[in-house]
Amino acid sequence: MSQNTTIPTSNNSNSSKVFIQRDYSDGTTVKFHTRLPIELEGLIERQVFESTIKRLNEFFSEAEKGSCSTYCEGCLACISAYLVYMCTETHYEKTLRKISKYIAQQNERVYNPKNLQIIDPTYRGLRVIEISILDCPGGRT
């Protein structure tokens, strides 16, 4: 299966979407392929793209890592019949918030000036990272 897919959008603008697929080589942990898709070549530097994806992969690794505090969090949830989650966020939720902030920051500083937009993978069920190519001149896909 291809590691990325390009889908032209159906609206009137000349934009398209590139999807970065999950990397299942290490199992079912949330990890995405870091190779620059050919659709983005010339639009973003390879090192910048790979750095962004590697950082996202690090965030997801951190979110799924078990530690003493996450085990205590789970025990407290069981003891309180999971009512504790009404008052506090889980470690995973806190890390997802960090990921959203990081993506917003990368879009603002790096991707939007290059007419690209990364969509938070949580909006796609953590299956893909969607990158929209905004207003492509000449309808390039």
C-alpha atoms as a PDB file:
ATOM      1  CA  MET A   1       0.000   0.000   0.000  1.00  0.00           C
ATOM      2  CA  SER A   2       1.224   3.495  -0.789  1.00  0.00           C
ATOM      3  CA  GLN A   3       2.501   5.569   2.096  1.00  0.00           C
ATOM      4  CA  ASN A   4       0.629   8.657   0.961  1.00  0.00           C
ATOM      5  CA  THR A   5      -2.301   9.537  -1.200  1.00  0.00           C
ATOM      6  CA  THR A   6      -3.274  12.718  -3.014  1.00  0.00           C
ATOM      7  CA  ILE A   7      -6.934  13.606  -3.302  1.00  0.00           C
ATOM      8  CA  PRO A   8      -8.048  16.754  -5.123  1.00  0.00           C
ATOM      9  CA  THR A   9     -10.753  18.607  -3.230  1.00  0.00           C
ATOM     10  CA  SER A  10     -14.171  18.928  -4.790  1.00  0.00           C
ATOM     11  CA  ASN A  11     -14.668  22.625  -4.103  1.00  0.00           C
ATOM     12  CA  ASN A  12     -13.886  25.362  -6.630  1.00  0.00           C
ATOM     13  CA  SER A  13     -10.436  26.197  -5.255  1.00  0.00           C
ATOM     14  CA  ASN A  14      -7.284  24.697  -6.730  1.00  0.00           C
ATOM     15  CA  SER A  15      -6.260  22.832  -3.612  1.00  0.00           C
ATOM     16  CA  SER A  16      -5.507  19.190  -2.927  1.00  0.00           C
ATOM     17  CA  LYS A  17      -4.810  16.995   0.061  1.00  0.00           C
ATOM     18  CA  VAL A  18      -1.939  14.664   0.806  1.00  0.00           C
ATOM     19  CA  PHE A  19      -2.397  11.947   3.404  1.00  0.00           C
ATOM     20  CA  ILE A  20       0.550  10.631   5.424  1.00  0.00           C
ATOM     21  CA  GLN A  21      -0.292   7.069   6.412  1.00  0.00           C
ATOM     22  CA  ARG A  22       0.358   5.328   9.711  1.00  0.00           C
ATOM     23  CA  ASP A  23       3.541   3.293  10.018  1.00  0.00           C
ATOM     24  CA  TYR A  24       2.691  -0.132  11.429  1.00  0.00           C
ATOM     25  CA  SER A  25       6.255  -1.476  11.255  1.00  0.00           C
ATOM     26  CA  ASP A  26       6.538  -1.262  15.078  1.00  0.00           C
ATOM     27  CA  GLY A  27       3.060  -2.591  15.806  1.00  0.00           C
ATOM     28  CA  THR A  28      -0.113  -0.629  16.418  1.00  0.00           C
ATOM     29  CA  THR A  29       1.416   2.316  18.248  1.00  0.00           C
ATOM     30  CA  VAL A  30       0.548   5.679  16.726  1.00  0.00           C
ATOM     31  CA  LYS A  31       3.434   6.439  14.390  1.00  0.00           C
ATOM     32  CA  PHE A  32       3.448   8.035  10.938  1.00  0.00           C
ATOM     33  CA  HIS A  33       5.762   7.615   7.940  1.00  0.00           C
ATOM     34  CA  THR A  34       8.455  10.320   7.851  1.00  0.00           C
ATOM     35  CA  ARG A  35       9.312  10.164   4.156  1.00  0.00           C
ATOM     36  CA  LEU A  36       8.440  13.331   2.215  1.00  0.00           C
ATOM     37  CA  PRO A  37       5.645  12.597  -0.295  1.00  0.00           C
ATOM     38  CA  ILE A  38       6.491  13.435  -3.898  1.00  0.00           C
ATOM     39  CA  GLU A  39       3.428  15.720  -3.968  1.00  0.00           C
ATOM     40  CA  LEU A  40       5.142  18.002  -1.440  1.00  0.00           C
ATOM     41  CA  GLU A  41       8.575  18.067  -3.062  1.00  0.00           C
ATOM     42  CA  GLY A  42       9.481  21.631  -3.929  1.00  0.00           C
ATOM     43  CA  LEU A  43       6.828  22.975  -1.545  1.00  0.00           C
ATOM     44  CA  ILE A  44       8.595  22.198   1.738  1.00  0.00           C
ATOM     45  CA  GLU A  45      12.134  21.210   2.613  1.00  0.00           C
ATOM     46  CA  ARG A  46      12.628  17.513   3.340  1.00  0.00           C
ATOM     47  CA  GLN A  47      14.366  18.162   6.682  1.00  0.00           C
ATOM     48  CA  VAL A  48      11.572  20.445   7.907  1.00  0.00           C
ATOM     49  CA  PHE A  49       8.875  17.930   6.987  1.00  0.00           C
ATOM     50  CA  GLU A  50      10.734  14.992   8.521  1.00  0.00           C
ATOM     51  CA  SER A  51      11.428  16.995  11.677  1.00  0.00           C
ATOM     52  CA  THR A  52       7.730  17.822  12.067  1.00  0.00           C
ATOM     53  CA  ILE A  53       6.604  14.219  11.609  1.00  0.00           C
ATOM     54  CA  LYS A  54       9.352  12.871  13.889  1.00  0.00           C
ATOM     55  CA  ARG A  55       8.293  15.330  16.599  1.00  0.00           C
ATOM     56  CA  LEU A  56       4.660  14.257  16.230  1.00  0.00           C
ATOM     57  CA  ASN A  57       5.751  10.621  16.498  1.00  0.00           C
ATOM     58  CA  GLU A  58       7.672  11.505  19.685  1.00  0.00           C
ATOM     59  CA  PHE A  59       4.560  13.146  21.147  1.00  0.00           C
ATOM     60  CA  PHE A  60       2.459  10.052  20.418  1.00  0.00           C
ATOM     61  CA  SER A  61       5.139   7.812  21.887  1.00  0.00           C
ATOM     62  CA  GLU A  62       5.130   9.953  25.036  1.00  0.00           C
ATOM     63  CA  ALA A  63       1.322   9.771  25.214  1.00  0.00           C
ATOM     64  CA  GLU A  64       1.318   5.981  25.092  1.00  0.00           C
ATOM     65  CA  LYS A  65       4.249   5.436  27.436  1.00  0.00           C
ATOM     66  CA  GLY A  66       3.402   3.832  30.742  1.00  0.00           C
ATOM     67  CA  SER A  67       4.878   5.409  33.844  1.00  0.00           C
ATOM     68  CA  CYS A  68       4.279   5.361  37.567  1.00  0.00           C
ATOM     69  CA  SER A  69       1.993   8.380  37.300  1.00  0.00           C
ATOM     70  CA  THR A  70      -0.117   6.871  34.506  1.00  0.00           C
ATOM     71  CA  TYR A  71      -0.513   3.626  36.463  1.00  0.00           C
ATOM     72  CA  CYS A  72      -1.505   5.581  39.570  1.00  0.00           C
ATOM     73  CA  GLU A  73      -3.922   7.563  37.428  1.00  0.00           C
ATOM     74  CA  GLY A  74      -5.521   4.292  36.287  1.00  0.00           C
ATOM     75  CA  CYS A  75      -5.751   2.928  39.835  1.00  0.00           C
ATOM     76  CA  LEU A  76      -7.327   6.151  41.100  1.00  0.00           C
ATOM     77  CA  ALA A  77      -9.826   5.969  38.237  1.00  0.00           C
ATOM     78  CA  CYS A  78     -10.813   2.407  39.200  1.00  0.00           C
ATOM     79  CA  ILE A  79     -11.161   3.298  42.877  1.00  0.00           C
ATOM     80  CA  SER A  80     -13.322   6.316  42.100  1.00  0.00           C
ATOM     81  CA  ALA A  81     -15.493   4.468  39.544  1.00  0.00           C
ATOM     82  CA  TYR A  82     -13.864   6.683  36.902  1.00  0.00           C
ATOM     83  CA  LEU A  83     -15.443   9.794  38.409  1.00  0.00           C
ATOM     84  CA  VAL A  84     -11.983  11.314  38.726  1.00  0.00           C
ATOM     85  CA  TYR A  85     -12.039  11.889  34.954  1.00  0.00           C
ATOM     86  CA  MET A  86     -14.822  14.421  35.459  1.00  0.00           C
ATOM     87  CA  CYS A  87     -12.344  16.571  37.398  1.00  0.00           C
ATOM     88  CA  THR A  88      -9.058  15.995  35.624  1.00  0.00           C
ATOM     89  CA  GLU A  89      -7.542  15.148  32.246  1.00  0.00           C
ATOM     90  CA  THR A  90      -5.669  11.957  31.575  1.00  0.00           C
ATOM     91  CA  HIS A  91      -2.011  11.965  30.591  1.00  0.00           C
ATOM     92  CA  TYR A  92      -3.088  10.987  27.084  1.00  0.00           C
ATOM     93  CA  GLU A  93      -5.514  13.916  26.813  1.00  0.00           C
ATOM     94  CA  LYS A  94      -2.849  16.336  28.020  1.00  0.00           C
ATOM     95  CA  THR A  95      -0.430  15.048  25.396  1.00  0.00           C
ATOM     96  CA  LEU A  96      -3.076  15.330  22.656  1.00  0.00           C
ATOM     97  CA  ARG A  97      -3.511  18.969  23.685  1.00  0.00           C
ATOM     98  CA  LYS A  98       0.280  19.450  23.317  1.00  0.00           C
ATOM     99  CA  ILE A  99       0.094  17.894  19.845  1.00  0.00           C
ATOM    100  CA  SER A 100      -2.694  20.274  18.809  1.00  0.00           C
ATOM    101  CA  LYS A 101      -0.676  23.264  20.019  1.00  0.00           C
ATOM    102  CA  TYR A 102       2.442  22.023  18.219  1.00  0.00           C
ATOM    103  CA  ILE A 103       0.538  21.568  14.941  1.00  0.00           C
ATOM    104  CA  ALA A 104      -0.997  25.037  15.236  1.00  0.00           C
ATOM    105  CA  GLN A 105       2.463  26.492  15.891  1.00  0.00           C
ATOM    106  CA  GLN A 106       4.006  24.633  12.928  1.00  0.00           C
ATOM    107  CA  ASN A 107       1.180  25.741  10.646  1.00  0.00           C
ATOM    108  CA  GLU A 108       1.599  29.366  11.682  1.00  0.00           C
ATOM    109  CA  ARG A 109       5.403  29.472  11.476  1.00  0.00           C
ATOM    110  CA  VAL A 110       6.305  26.998   8.732  1.00  0.00           C
ATOM    111  CA  TYR A 111       3.465  25.516   6.704  1.00  0.00           C
ATOM    112  CA  ASN A 112       0.939  28.334   6.159  1.00  0.00           C
ATOM    113  CA  PRO A 113       3.550  30.699   4.644  1.00  0.00           C
ATOM    114  CA  LYS A 114       4.223  27.910   2.092  1.00  0.00           C
ATOM    115  CA  ASN A 115       0.480  27.523   1.342  1.00  0.00           C
ATOM    116  CA  LEU A 116       0.290  24.244   3.260  1.00  0.00           C
ATOM    117  CA  GLN A 117      -1.887  23.291   6.214  1.00  0.00           C
ATOM    118  CA  ILE A 118      -1.449  20.293   8.511  1.00  0.00           C
ATOM    119  CA  ILE A 119      -4.709  18.936   9.903  1.00  0.00           C
ATOM    120  CA  ASP A 120      -4.536  17.495  13.406  1.00  0.00           C
ATOM    121  CA  PRO A 121      -4.536  13.676  13.087  1.00  0.00           C
ATOM    122  CA  THR A 122      -7.072  13.420  15.928  1.00  0.00           C
ATOM    123  CA  TYR A 123      -9.650  14.814  13.477  1.00  0.00           C
ATOM    124  CA  ARG A 124      -8.967  11.797  11.245  1.00  0.00           C
ATOM    125  CA  GLY A 125      -9.127   9.199  14.009  1.00  0.00           C
ATOM    126  CA  LEU A 126      -5.303   9.008  14.241  1.00  0.00           C
ATOM    127  CA  ARG A 127      -5.328   7.099  10.939  1.00  0.00           C
ATOM    128  CA  VAL A 128      -3.580   9.705   8.765  1.00  0.00           C
ATOM    129  CA  ILE A 129      -1.991  13.125   8.850  1.00  0.00           C
ATOM    130  CA  GLU A 130      -3.747  15.285   6.289  1.00  0.00           C
ATOM    131  CA  ILE A 131      -1.765  18.055   4.624  1.00  0.00           C
ATOM    132  CA  SER A 132      -3.773  20.456   2.476  1.00  0.00           C
ATOM    133  CA  ILE A 133      -2.032  22.223  -0.371  1.00  0.00           C
ATOM    134  CA  LEU A 134      -3.821  25.573  -0.423  1.00  0.00           C
ATOM    135  CA  ASP A 135      -4.603  27.403  -3.659  1.00  0.00           C
ATOM    136  CA  CYS A 136      -2.214  25.528  -5.912  1.00  0.00           C
ATOM    137  CA  PRO A 137      -1.366  27.641  -8.941  1.00  0.00           C
ATOM    138  CA  GLY A 138      -2.502  25.852 -12.082  1.00  0.00           C
ATOM    139  CA  GLY A 139      -4.213  23.096 -10.103  1.00  0.00           C
ATOM    140  CA  ARG A 140      -0.993  21.146  -9.429  1.00  0.00           C
ATOM    141  CA  THR A 141      -1.592  17.960  -7.479  1.00  0.00           C
END
